[in-house]
């Protein structure tokens, strides 16, 4: 069952609650829904994390954690799922979302050189921010929905498979 696997790899909520940096959140971190491992809570955390992972914002893990607390979905899953956009995947993801945004807005996909400087930001980024943001929102919603639906489906199939195994095992014992 997925719950057993997730319980093994997730941090203990009591340890997290007693962590010196997390004590400032007080009772909010003891909310059972933030740590509960059921299909709905984990799927919600995954969807939230994937959506935030596609947004071009700083501090994605902190934003995902704050929203998980507010929306009462699984906090560790939401904070972990934002790593879909990591240093290895961020460039292809952001190029793809730019292309999607340009296609939706019916703008030509232009070749832009990237130089990490304020001048580049003022000149080049200002010409691509609209398709980039639109593509990020569209892809974020799509990936979040697909991820949550896939997780719920796989979870359901695993539960059915385990139920059938137990049923078959009980028939052998009778």
N, C-alpha and C. Protein backbone atom coordinates (compact mmCIF):
# COMPACT_ATOMS: atom_id res chain seq x y z
N UNK A 1 0.85 -1.18 0.00
CA UNK A 1 0.00 0.00 0.00
C UNK A 1 0.89 1.24 0.00
N UNK A 2 0.54 2.28 -0.75
CA UNK A 2 1.37 3.48 -0.80
C UNK A 2 1.55 4.13 0.57
N UNK A 3 0.59 3.97 1.43
CA UNK A 3 0.67 4.60 2.75
C UNK A 3 1.87 4.08 3.53
N UNK A 4 2.13 2.79 3.45
CA UNK A 4 3.26 2.21 4.18
C UNK A 4 4.58 2.79 3.68
N UNK A 5 4.72 2.89 2.36
CA UNK A 5 5.94 3.45 1.79
C UNK A 5 6.11 4.91 2.20
N UNK A 6 5.03 5.70 2.11
CA UNK A 6 5.12 7.11 2.45
C UNK A 6 5.42 7.32 3.93
N UNK A 7 4.87 6.47 4.79
CA UNK A 7 5.15 6.60 6.22
C UNK A 7 6.62 6.37 6.52
N UNK A 8 7.24 5.47 5.75
CA UNK A 8 8.66 5.20 5.97
C UNK A 8 9.53 6.39 5.59
N UNK A 9 9.18 7.10 4.52
CA UNK A 9 10.07 8.15 4.04
C UNK A 9 9.72 9.54 4.56
N UNK A 10 8.53 9.72 5.12
CA UNK A 10 8.13 11.04 5.60
C UNK A 10 8.67 11.32 6.99
N UNK A 11 8.98 12.59 7.26
CA UNK A 11 9.44 12.94 8.61
C UNK A 11 8.30 12.81 9.61
N UNK A 12 8.66 12.54 10.83
CA UNK A 12 7.67 12.42 11.90
C UNK A 12 7.14 13.82 12.23
N UNK A 13 5.82 13.96 12.31
CA UNK A 13 5.27 15.29 12.54
C UNK A 13 5.60 15.82 13.93
N UNK A 14 5.87 14.95 14.89
CA UNK A 14 6.25 15.41 16.23
C UNK A 14 7.64 16.03 16.19
N UNK A 15 8.54 15.42 15.43
CA UNK A 15 9.89 15.98 15.28
C UNK A 15 9.82 17.32 14.57
N UNK A 16 9.00 17.40 13.53
CA UNK A 16 8.84 18.67 12.80
C UNK A 16 8.23 19.74 13.70
N UNK A 17 7.26 19.36 14.52
CA UNK A 17 6.60 20.32 15.41
C UNK A 17 7.58 20.87 16.44
N UNK A 18 8.52 20.03 16.90
CA UNK A 18 9.47 20.44 17.93
C UNK A 18 10.74 21.07 17.35
N UNK A 19 10.86 21.14 16.04
CA UNK A 19 12.04 21.74 15.41
C UNK A 19 12.11 23.22 15.77
N UNK A 20 13.29 23.73 16.16
CA UNK A 20 13.39 25.12 16.61
C UNK A 20 12.91 26.16 15.59
N UNK A 21 13.16 25.94 14.32
CA UNK A 21 12.76 26.92 13.31
C UNK A 21 11.28 26.84 12.98
N UNK A 22 10.65 25.74 13.29
CA UNK A 22 9.24 25.57 12.94
C UNK A 22 8.30 25.83 14.12
N UNK A 23 8.86 26.06 15.31
CA UNK A 23 8.01 26.30 16.48
C UNK A 23 7.16 27.55 16.34
N UNK A 24 7.63 28.52 15.57
CA UNK A 24 6.88 29.77 15.43
C UNK A 24 5.51 29.59 14.79
N UNK A 25 5.32 28.47 14.08
CA UNK A 25 4.02 28.21 13.47
C UNK A 25 3.02 27.65 14.47
N UNK A 26 3.51 27.24 15.63
CA UNK A 26 2.65 26.81 16.72
C UNK A 26 1.75 25.64 16.37
N UNK A 27 0.48 25.78 16.70
CA UNK A 27 -0.49 24.71 16.55
C UNK A 27 -0.83 24.41 15.09
N UNK A 28 -0.50 25.31 14.18
CA UNK A 28 -0.84 25.08 12.78
C UNK A 28 -0.17 23.82 12.24
N UNK A 29 1.04 23.53 12.71
CA UNK A 29 1.75 22.35 12.22
C UNK A 29 1.24 21.05 12.83
N UNK A 30 0.43 21.13 13.86
CA UNK A 30 -0.12 19.91 14.45
C UNK A 30 -1.45 19.51 13.83
N UNK A 31 -1.91 20.27 12.87
CA UNK A 31 -3.15 19.93 12.16
C UNK A 31 -3.00 18.55 11.52
N UNK A 32 -3.84 17.58 11.86
CA UNK A 32 -3.68 16.22 11.33
C UNK A 32 -3.76 16.13 9.81
N UNK A 33 -4.53 17.00 9.17
CA UNK A 33 -4.68 16.92 7.72
C UNK A 33 -3.37 17.22 7.00
N UNK A 34 -2.47 17.94 7.64
CA UNK A 34 -1.19 18.27 7.01
C UNK A 34 -0.27 17.06 6.92
N UNK A 35 -0.52 16.07 7.75
CA UNK A 35 0.37 14.91 7.83
C UNK A 35 -0.32 13.61 7.47
N UNK A 36 -1.64 13.66 7.31
CA UNK A 36 -2.41 12.45 7.08
C UNK A 36 -2.11 11.87 5.69
N UNK A 37 -1.96 10.57 5.64
CA UNK A 37 -1.63 9.90 4.38
C UNK A 37 -2.85 9.18 3.83
N UNK A 38 -3.73 9.94 3.23
CA UNK A 38 -4.82 9.32 2.49
C UNK A 38 -4.76 9.83 1.06
N UNK A 39 -5.53 9.21 0.21
CA UNK A 39 -5.48 9.53 -1.21
C UNK A 39 -5.79 11.00 -1.48
N UNK A 40 -6.76 11.56 -0.81
CA UNK A 40 -7.16 12.94 -1.04
C UNK A 40 -6.09 13.92 -0.59
N UNK A 41 -5.55 13.72 0.59
CA UNK A 41 -4.56 14.65 1.14
C UNK A 41 -3.25 14.61 0.35
N UNK A 42 -2.80 13.43 0.00
CA UNK A 42 -1.55 13.30 -0.75
C UNK A 42 -1.73 13.84 -2.18
N UNK A 43 -2.86 13.55 -2.80
CA UNK A 43 -3.13 14.07 -4.15
C UNK A 43 -3.21 15.60 -4.13
N UNK A 44 -3.82 16.15 -3.11
CA UNK A 44 -3.89 17.61 -2.99
C UNK A 44 -2.51 18.22 -2.79
N UNK A 45 -1.70 17.60 -1.95
CA UNK A 45 -0.33 18.08 -1.75
C UNK A 45 0.50 17.99 -3.02
N UNK A 46 0.34 16.89 -3.75
CA UNK A 46 1.07 16.72 -5.00
C UNK A 46 0.64 17.77 -6.03
N UNK A 47 -0.66 17.98 -6.16
CA UNK A 47 -1.16 18.97 -7.12
C UNK A 47 -0.65 20.37 -6.77
N UNK A 48 -0.71 20.70 -5.51
CA UNK A 48 -0.24 22.02 -5.08
C UNK A 48 1.25 22.18 -5.35
N UNK A 49 2.04 21.18 -4.99
CA UNK A 49 3.48 21.25 -5.22
C UNK A 49 3.85 21.33 -6.68
N UNK A 50 3.17 20.55 -7.51
CA UNK A 50 3.46 20.60 -8.95
C UNK A 50 3.08 21.96 -9.54
N UNK A 51 1.96 22.50 -9.13
CA UNK A 51 1.54 23.81 -9.63
C UNK A 51 2.56 24.88 -9.25
N UNK A 52 2.95 24.92 -7.98
CA UNK A 52 3.93 25.91 -7.53
C UNK A 52 5.28 25.67 -8.21
N UNK A 53 5.62 24.42 -8.49
CA UNK A 53 6.87 24.10 -9.16
C UNK A 53 6.96 24.68 -10.56
N UNK A 54 5.84 24.92 -11.19
CA UNK A 54 5.84 25.49 -12.53
C UNK A 54 5.75 27.02 -12.51
N UNK A 55 5.59 27.61 -11.35
CA UNK A 55 5.51 29.06 -11.26
C UNK A 55 6.91 29.65 -11.14
N UNK A 56 7.17 30.74 -11.84
CA UNK A 56 8.50 31.37 -11.78
C UNK A 56 8.63 32.30 -10.57
N UNK A 57 8.65 31.69 -9.39
CA UNK A 57 8.74 32.48 -8.16
C UNK A 57 9.92 31.97 -7.33
N UNK A 58 10.41 32.83 -6.47
CA UNK A 58 11.47 32.43 -5.55
C UNK A 58 10.84 31.80 -4.31
N UNK A 59 11.57 30.90 -3.69
CA UNK A 59 11.08 30.28 -2.46
C UNK A 59 9.89 29.37 -2.68
N UNK A 60 9.96 28.56 -3.72
CA UNK A 60 8.81 27.70 -4.05
C UNK A 60 8.44 26.77 -2.91
N UNK A 61 9.42 26.22 -2.21
CA UNK A 61 9.11 25.30 -1.11
C UNK A 61 8.36 26.02 0.00
N UNK A 62 8.75 27.24 0.32
CA UNK A 62 8.08 27.98 1.38
C UNK A 62 6.67 28.38 0.97
N UNK A 63 6.51 28.77 -0.28
CA UNK A 63 5.17 29.11 -0.77
C UNK A 63 4.28 27.87 -0.74
N UNK A 64 4.81 26.73 -1.19
CA UNK A 64 4.03 25.49 -1.19
C UNK A 64 3.68 25.08 0.23
N UNK A 65 4.62 25.21 1.15
CA UNK A 65 4.34 24.85 2.55
C UNK A 65 3.28 25.75 3.15
N UNK A 66 3.38 27.05 2.91
CA UNK A 66 2.37 27.98 3.44
C UNK A 66 1.00 27.69 2.85
N UNK A 67 0.94 27.44 1.56
CA UNK A 67 -0.35 27.13 0.94
C UNK A 67 -0.89 25.77 1.40
N UNK A 68 0.00 24.81 1.65
CA UNK A 68 -0.45 23.51 2.16
C UNK A 68 -1.07 23.66 3.54
N UNK A 69 -0.49 24.52 4.36
CA UNK A 69 -1.06 24.78 5.69
C UNK A 69 -2.42 25.44 5.52
N UNK A 70 -2.51 26.42 4.65
CA UNK A 70 -3.76 27.14 4.43
C UNK A 70 -4.84 26.25 3.84
N UNK A 71 -4.46 25.41 2.85
CA UNK A 71 -5.43 24.55 2.18
C UNK A 71 -5.64 23.21 2.88
N UNK A 72 -4.82 22.93 3.88
CA UNK A 72 -4.89 21.70 4.68
C UNK A 72 -4.72 20.45 3.81
N UNK A 73 -3.64 20.45 3.02
CA UNK A 73 -3.26 19.27 2.26
C UNK A 73 -1.92 18.79 2.81
N UNK A 74 -1.45 17.66 2.34
CA UNK A 74 -0.24 17.06 2.88
C UNK A 74 0.97 17.98 2.67
N UNK A 75 1.52 18.45 3.77
CA UNK A 75 2.60 19.42 3.75
C UNK A 75 3.91 18.87 3.19
N UNK A 76 4.41 17.71 3.65
CA UNK A 76 5.68 17.23 3.09
C UNK A 76 5.60 16.91 1.60
N UNK A 77 4.49 16.40 1.14
CA UNK A 77 4.34 16.09 -0.28
C UNK A 77 4.33 17.38 -1.10
N UNK A 78 3.62 18.39 -0.62
CA UNK A 78 3.56 19.66 -1.35
C UNK A 78 4.94 20.31 -1.42
N UNK A 79 5.66 20.30 -0.31
CA UNK A 79 6.99 20.92 -0.30
C UNK A 79 7.99 20.14 -1.14
N UNK A 80 7.81 18.86 -1.25
CA UNK A 80 8.73 18.03 -2.04
C UNK A 80 8.41 18.10 -3.53
N UNK A 81 7.15 18.19 -3.87
CA UNK A 81 6.75 18.14 -5.28
C UNK A 81 7.21 19.36 -6.08
N UNK A 82 7.54 20.47 -5.40
CA UNK A 82 8.01 21.64 -6.14
C UNK A 82 9.36 21.37 -6.80
N UNK A 83 10.03 20.31 -6.38
CA UNK A 83 11.33 19.99 -6.95
C UNK A 83 11.22 19.40 -8.34
N UNK A 84 10.02 19.39 -8.91
CA UNK A 84 9.88 19.04 -10.32
C UNK A 84 10.68 20.05 -11.15
N UNK A 85 10.75 21.26 -10.67
CA UNK A 85 11.61 22.27 -11.32
C UNK A 85 12.84 22.45 -10.46
N UNK A 86 13.86 21.71 -10.80
CA UNK A 86 15.13 21.76 -10.07
C UNK A 86 16.19 22.33 -11.01
N UNK A 87 17.40 22.50 -10.55
CA UNK A 87 18.43 23.09 -11.43
C UNK A 87 18.64 22.35 -12.75
N UNK A 88 18.32 21.07 -12.80
CA UNK A 88 18.49 20.33 -14.05
C UNK A 88 17.30 20.48 -14.99
N UNK A 89 16.12 20.70 -14.45
CA UNK A 89 14.92 20.73 -15.29
C UNK A 89 14.34 22.11 -15.51
N UNK A 90 14.81 23.11 -14.80
CA UNK A 90 14.18 24.42 -14.87
C UNK A 90 14.29 25.05 -16.26
N UNK A 91 15.42 24.92 -16.91
CA UNK A 91 15.57 25.53 -18.24
C UNK A 91 14.62 24.90 -19.27
N UNK A 92 14.57 23.56 -19.40
CA UNK A 92 13.61 23.00 -20.37
C UNK A 92 12.16 23.30 -20.01
N UNK A 93 11.84 23.28 -18.72
CA UNK A 93 10.46 23.57 -18.31
C UNK A 93 10.10 25.00 -18.67
N UNK A 94 10.95 25.95 -18.34
CA UNK A 94 10.62 27.35 -18.60
C UNK A 94 10.61 27.66 -20.10
N UNK A 95 11.44 26.99 -20.87
CA UNK A 95 11.39 27.18 -22.32
C UNK A 95 10.07 26.63 -22.87
N UNK A 96 9.66 25.47 -22.37
CA UNK A 96 8.41 24.87 -22.81
C UNK A 96 7.22 25.75 -22.44
N UNK A 97 7.19 26.27 -21.21
CA UNK A 97 6.05 27.10 -20.81
C UNK A 97 6.03 28.40 -21.61
N UNK A 98 7.19 28.92 -21.96
CA UNK A 98 7.23 30.10 -22.83
C UNK A 98 6.62 29.78 -24.19
N UNK A 99 6.98 28.63 -24.75
CA UNK A 99 6.43 28.25 -26.05
C UNK A 99 4.92 28.05 -25.97
N UNK A 100 4.44 27.43 -24.91
CA UNK A 100 2.99 27.24 -24.73
C UNK A 100 2.30 28.59 -24.62
N UNK A 101 2.86 29.48 -23.82
CA UNK A 101 2.26 30.81 -23.68
C UNK A 101 2.26 31.59 -24.97
N UNK A 102 3.34 31.50 -25.73
CA UNK A 102 3.39 32.18 -27.02
C UNK A 102 2.36 31.60 -27.98
N UNK A 103 2.19 30.28 -27.95
CA UNK A 103 1.20 29.64 -28.82
C UNK A 103 -0.22 30.08 -28.44
N UNK A 104 -0.51 30.11 -27.13
CA UNK A 104 -1.85 30.51 -26.68
C UNK A 104 -2.12 31.97 -27.03
N UNK A 105 -1.13 32.83 -26.84
CA UNK A 105 -1.31 34.25 -27.14
C UNK A 105 -1.10 34.57 -28.62
N UNK A 106 -0.79 33.54 -29.40
CA UNK A 106 -0.54 33.68 -30.84
C UNK A 106 0.56 34.69 -31.14
N UNK A 107 1.66 34.53 -30.39
CA UNK A 107 2.85 35.35 -30.59
C UNK A 107 3.95 34.49 -31.19
N UNK A 108 4.82 35.06 -31.98
CA UNK A 108 5.92 34.26 -32.51
C UNK A 108 6.92 33.91 -31.41
N UNK A 109 7.47 32.72 -31.48
CA UNK A 109 8.52 32.30 -30.54
C UNK A 109 9.82 32.87 -31.06
N UNK A 110 10.38 33.77 -30.29
CA UNK A 110 11.59 34.46 -30.71
C UNK A 110 12.81 33.83 -30.06
N UNK A 111 13.94 33.97 -30.71
CA UNK A 111 15.20 33.51 -30.14
C UNK A 111 15.74 34.60 -29.22
N UNK A 112 15.97 34.25 -27.98
CA UNK A 112 16.49 35.20 -27.00
C UNK A 112 17.77 34.63 -26.42
N UNK A 113 18.75 35.48 -26.30
CA UNK A 113 19.97 35.05 -25.60
C UNK A 113 19.80 35.37 -24.13
N UNK A 114 20.39 34.56 -23.28
CA UNK A 114 20.24 34.76 -21.84
C UNK A 114 21.57 35.14 -21.24
N UNK A 115 21.59 36.28 -20.58
CA UNK A 115 22.75 36.73 -19.82
C UNK A 115 22.20 37.19 -18.48
N UNK A 116 22.73 36.65 -17.42
CA UNK A 116 22.23 36.97 -16.09
C UNK A 116 22.70 38.38 -15.71
N UNK A 117 21.88 39.37 -16.05
CA UNK A 117 22.21 40.76 -15.73
C UNK A 117 20.92 41.57 -15.66
N UNK A 118 21.04 42.72 -15.06
CA UNK A 118 19.89 43.61 -14.94
C UNK A 118 19.48 44.14 -16.31
N UNK A 119 20.45 44.41 -17.16
CA UNK A 119 20.16 44.91 -18.50
C UNK A 119 19.36 43.88 -19.30
N UNK A 120 19.73 42.58 -19.20
CA UNK A 120 18.96 41.54 -19.89
C UNK A 120 17.54 41.50 -19.37
N UNK A 121 17.42 41.58 -18.05
CA UNK A 121 16.08 41.53 -17.45
C UNK A 121 15.22 42.69 -17.95
N UNK A 122 15.80 43.88 -18.00
CA UNK A 122 15.02 45.05 -18.44
C UNK A 122 14.67 44.98 -19.92
N UNK A 123 15.57 44.46 -20.73
CA UNK A 123 15.35 44.45 -22.18
C UNK A 123 14.61 43.19 -22.65
N UNK A 124 15.24 42.07 -22.45
CA UNK A 124 14.72 40.82 -23.02
C UNK A 124 13.52 40.27 -22.26
N UNK A 125 13.62 40.20 -20.94
CA UNK A 125 12.54 39.56 -20.17
C UNK A 125 11.23 40.32 -20.32
N UNK A 126 11.32 41.63 -20.42
CA UNK A 126 10.09 42.41 -20.55
C UNK A 126 9.34 42.08 -21.85
N UNK A 127 10.04 41.54 -22.83
CA UNK A 127 9.35 41.19 -24.07
C UNK A 127 8.75 39.78 -24.02
N UNK A 128 9.17 38.97 -23.07
CA UNK A 128 8.66 37.59 -23.01
C UNK A 128 7.83 37.29 -21.76
N UNK A 129 7.66 38.25 -20.88
CA UNK A 129 7.01 37.93 -19.61
C UNK A 129 5.56 37.48 -19.77
N UNK A 130 4.81 38.04 -20.70
CA UNK A 130 3.41 37.66 -20.84
C UNK A 130 3.25 36.20 -21.29
N UNK A 131 3.89 35.78 -22.39
CA UNK A 131 3.74 34.37 -22.75
C UNK A 131 4.34 33.44 -21.71
N UNK A 132 5.39 33.89 -21.06
CA UNK A 132 6.03 33.08 -20.03
C UNK A 132 5.07 32.85 -18.85
N UNK A 133 4.43 33.89 -18.40
CA UNK A 133 3.50 33.77 -17.28
C UNK A 133 2.25 32.98 -17.65
N UNK A 134 1.69 33.24 -18.83
CA UNK A 134 0.51 32.51 -19.28
C UNK A 134 0.83 31.02 -19.42
N UNK A 135 1.98 30.73 -20.02
CA UNK A 135 2.39 29.33 -20.17
C UNK A 135 2.63 28.66 -18.83
N UNK A 136 3.21 29.39 -17.89
CA UNK A 136 3.43 28.83 -16.55
C UNK A 136 2.12 28.47 -15.88
N UNK A 137 1.15 29.35 -15.98
CA UNK A 137 -0.16 29.08 -15.37
C UNK A 137 -0.85 27.89 -16.03
N UNK A 138 -0.85 27.87 -17.36
CA UNK A 138 -1.52 26.78 -18.08
C UNK A 138 -0.84 25.45 -17.78
N UNK A 139 0.47 25.41 -17.91
CA UNK A 139 1.20 24.15 -17.67
C UNK A 139 1.13 23.74 -16.21
N UNK A 140 1.19 24.71 -15.31
CA UNK A 140 1.07 24.39 -13.89
C UNK A 140 -0.25 23.74 -13.54
N UNK A 141 -1.34 24.30 -14.05
CA UNK A 141 -2.67 23.71 -13.82
C UNK A 141 -2.77 22.33 -14.46
N UNK A 142 -2.29 22.21 -15.69
CA UNK A 142 -2.38 20.92 -16.39
C UNK A 142 -1.58 19.84 -15.68
N UNK A 143 -0.35 20.15 -15.31
CA UNK A 143 0.50 19.16 -14.64
C UNK A 143 -0.06 18.82 -13.26
N UNK A 144 -0.58 19.81 -12.56
CA UNK A 144 -1.17 19.56 -11.24
C UNK A 144 -2.37 18.62 -11.35
N UNK A 145 -3.25 18.89 -12.30
CA UNK A 145 -4.42 18.03 -12.48
C UNK A 145 -4.02 16.62 -12.90
N UNK A 146 -3.11 16.51 -13.87
CA UNK A 146 -2.68 15.19 -14.33
C UNK A 146 -1.97 14.42 -13.21
N UNK A 147 -1.13 15.11 -12.45
CA UNK A 147 -0.42 14.45 -11.35
C UNK A 147 -1.37 13.95 -10.28
N UNK A 148 -2.34 14.78 -9.90
CA UNK A 148 -3.29 14.38 -8.87
C UNK A 148 -4.16 13.22 -9.36
N UNK A 149 -4.63 13.30 -10.60
CA UNK A 149 -5.47 12.23 -11.14
C UNK A 149 -4.68 10.92 -11.26
N UNK A 150 -3.44 11.01 -11.73
CA UNK A 150 -2.61 9.81 -11.86
C UNK A 150 -2.32 9.20 -10.50
N UNK A 151 -2.03 10.03 -9.51
CA UNK A 151 -1.77 9.51 -8.17
C UNK A 151 -3.01 8.83 -7.60
N UNK A 152 -4.15 9.46 -7.75
CA UNK A 152 -5.38 8.86 -7.22
C UNK A 152 -5.69 7.54 -7.92
N UNK A 153 -5.45 7.47 -9.22
CA UNK A 153 -5.70 6.24 -9.96
C UNK A 153 -4.74 5.13 -9.53
N UNK A 154 -3.46 5.44 -9.47
CA UNK A 154 -2.47 4.44 -9.05
C UNK A 154 -2.73 3.99 -7.62
N UNK A 155 -3.05 4.93 -6.74
CA UNK A 155 -3.35 4.60 -5.35
C UNK A 155 -4.54 3.63 -5.30
N UNK A 156 -5.57 3.95 -6.05
CA UNK A 156 -6.77 3.11 -6.09
C UNK A 156 -6.45 1.70 -6.61
N UNK A 157 -5.66 1.63 -7.67
CA UNK A 157 -5.28 0.32 -8.22
C UNK A 157 -4.47 -0.50 -7.23
N UNK A 158 -3.58 0.14 -6.50
CA UNK A 158 -2.79 -0.57 -5.50
C UNK A 158 -3.67 -1.08 -4.37
N UNK A 159 -4.62 -0.27 -3.94
CA UNK A 159 -5.54 -0.69 -2.88
C UNK A 159 -6.38 -1.87 -3.35
N UNK A 160 -6.87 -1.82 -4.58
CA UNK A 160 -7.66 -2.93 -5.12
C UNK A 160 -6.81 -4.19 -5.22
N UNK A 161 -5.58 -4.05 -5.72
CA UNK A 161 -4.69 -5.20 -5.84
C UNK A 161 -4.42 -5.83 -4.46
N UNK A 162 -4.17 -5.00 -3.47
CA UNK A 162 -3.92 -5.54 -2.12
C UNK A 162 -5.17 -6.19 -1.54
N UNK A 163 -6.32 -5.61 -1.82
CA UNK A 163 -7.57 -6.18 -1.33
C UNK A 163 -7.80 -7.55 -1.97
N UNK A 164 -7.55 -7.65 -3.28
CA UNK A 164 -7.71 -8.93 -3.97
C UNK A 164 -6.71 -9.97 -3.45
N UNK A 165 -5.49 -9.56 -3.14
CA UNK A 165 -4.50 -10.48 -2.58
C UNK A 165 -4.98 -11.03 -1.24
N UNK A 166 -5.49 -10.12 -0.38
CA UNK A 166 -6.00 -10.57 0.92
C UNK A 166 -7.19 -11.51 0.75
N UNK A 167 -8.06 -11.17 -0.17
CA UNK A 167 -9.23 -12.01 -0.41
C UNK A 167 -8.79 -13.39 -0.90
N UNK A 168 -7.84 -13.43 -1.83
CA UNK A 168 -7.34 -14.70 -2.35
C UNK A 168 -6.63 -15.49 -1.24
N UNK A 169 -5.88 -14.81 -0.41
CA UNK A 169 -5.17 -15.46 0.69
C UNK A 169 -6.16 -16.04 1.70
N UNK A 170 -7.22 -15.30 1.98
CA UNK A 170 -8.23 -15.80 2.92
C UNK A 170 -8.98 -17.00 2.37
N UNK A 171 -9.20 -17.05 1.05
CA UNK A 171 -9.85 -18.22 0.44
C UNK A 171 -8.97 -19.45 0.56
N UNK A 172 -7.65 -19.28 0.43
CA UNK A 172 -6.74 -20.41 0.57
C UNK A 172 -6.75 -20.95 2.00
N UNK A 173 -6.88 -20.06 2.97
CA UNK A 173 -6.86 -20.46 4.37
C UNK A 173 -8.16 -21.14 4.79
N UNK A 174 -9.24 -20.92 4.07
CA UNK A 174 -10.53 -21.55 4.44
C UNK A 174 -10.61 -22.97 4.05
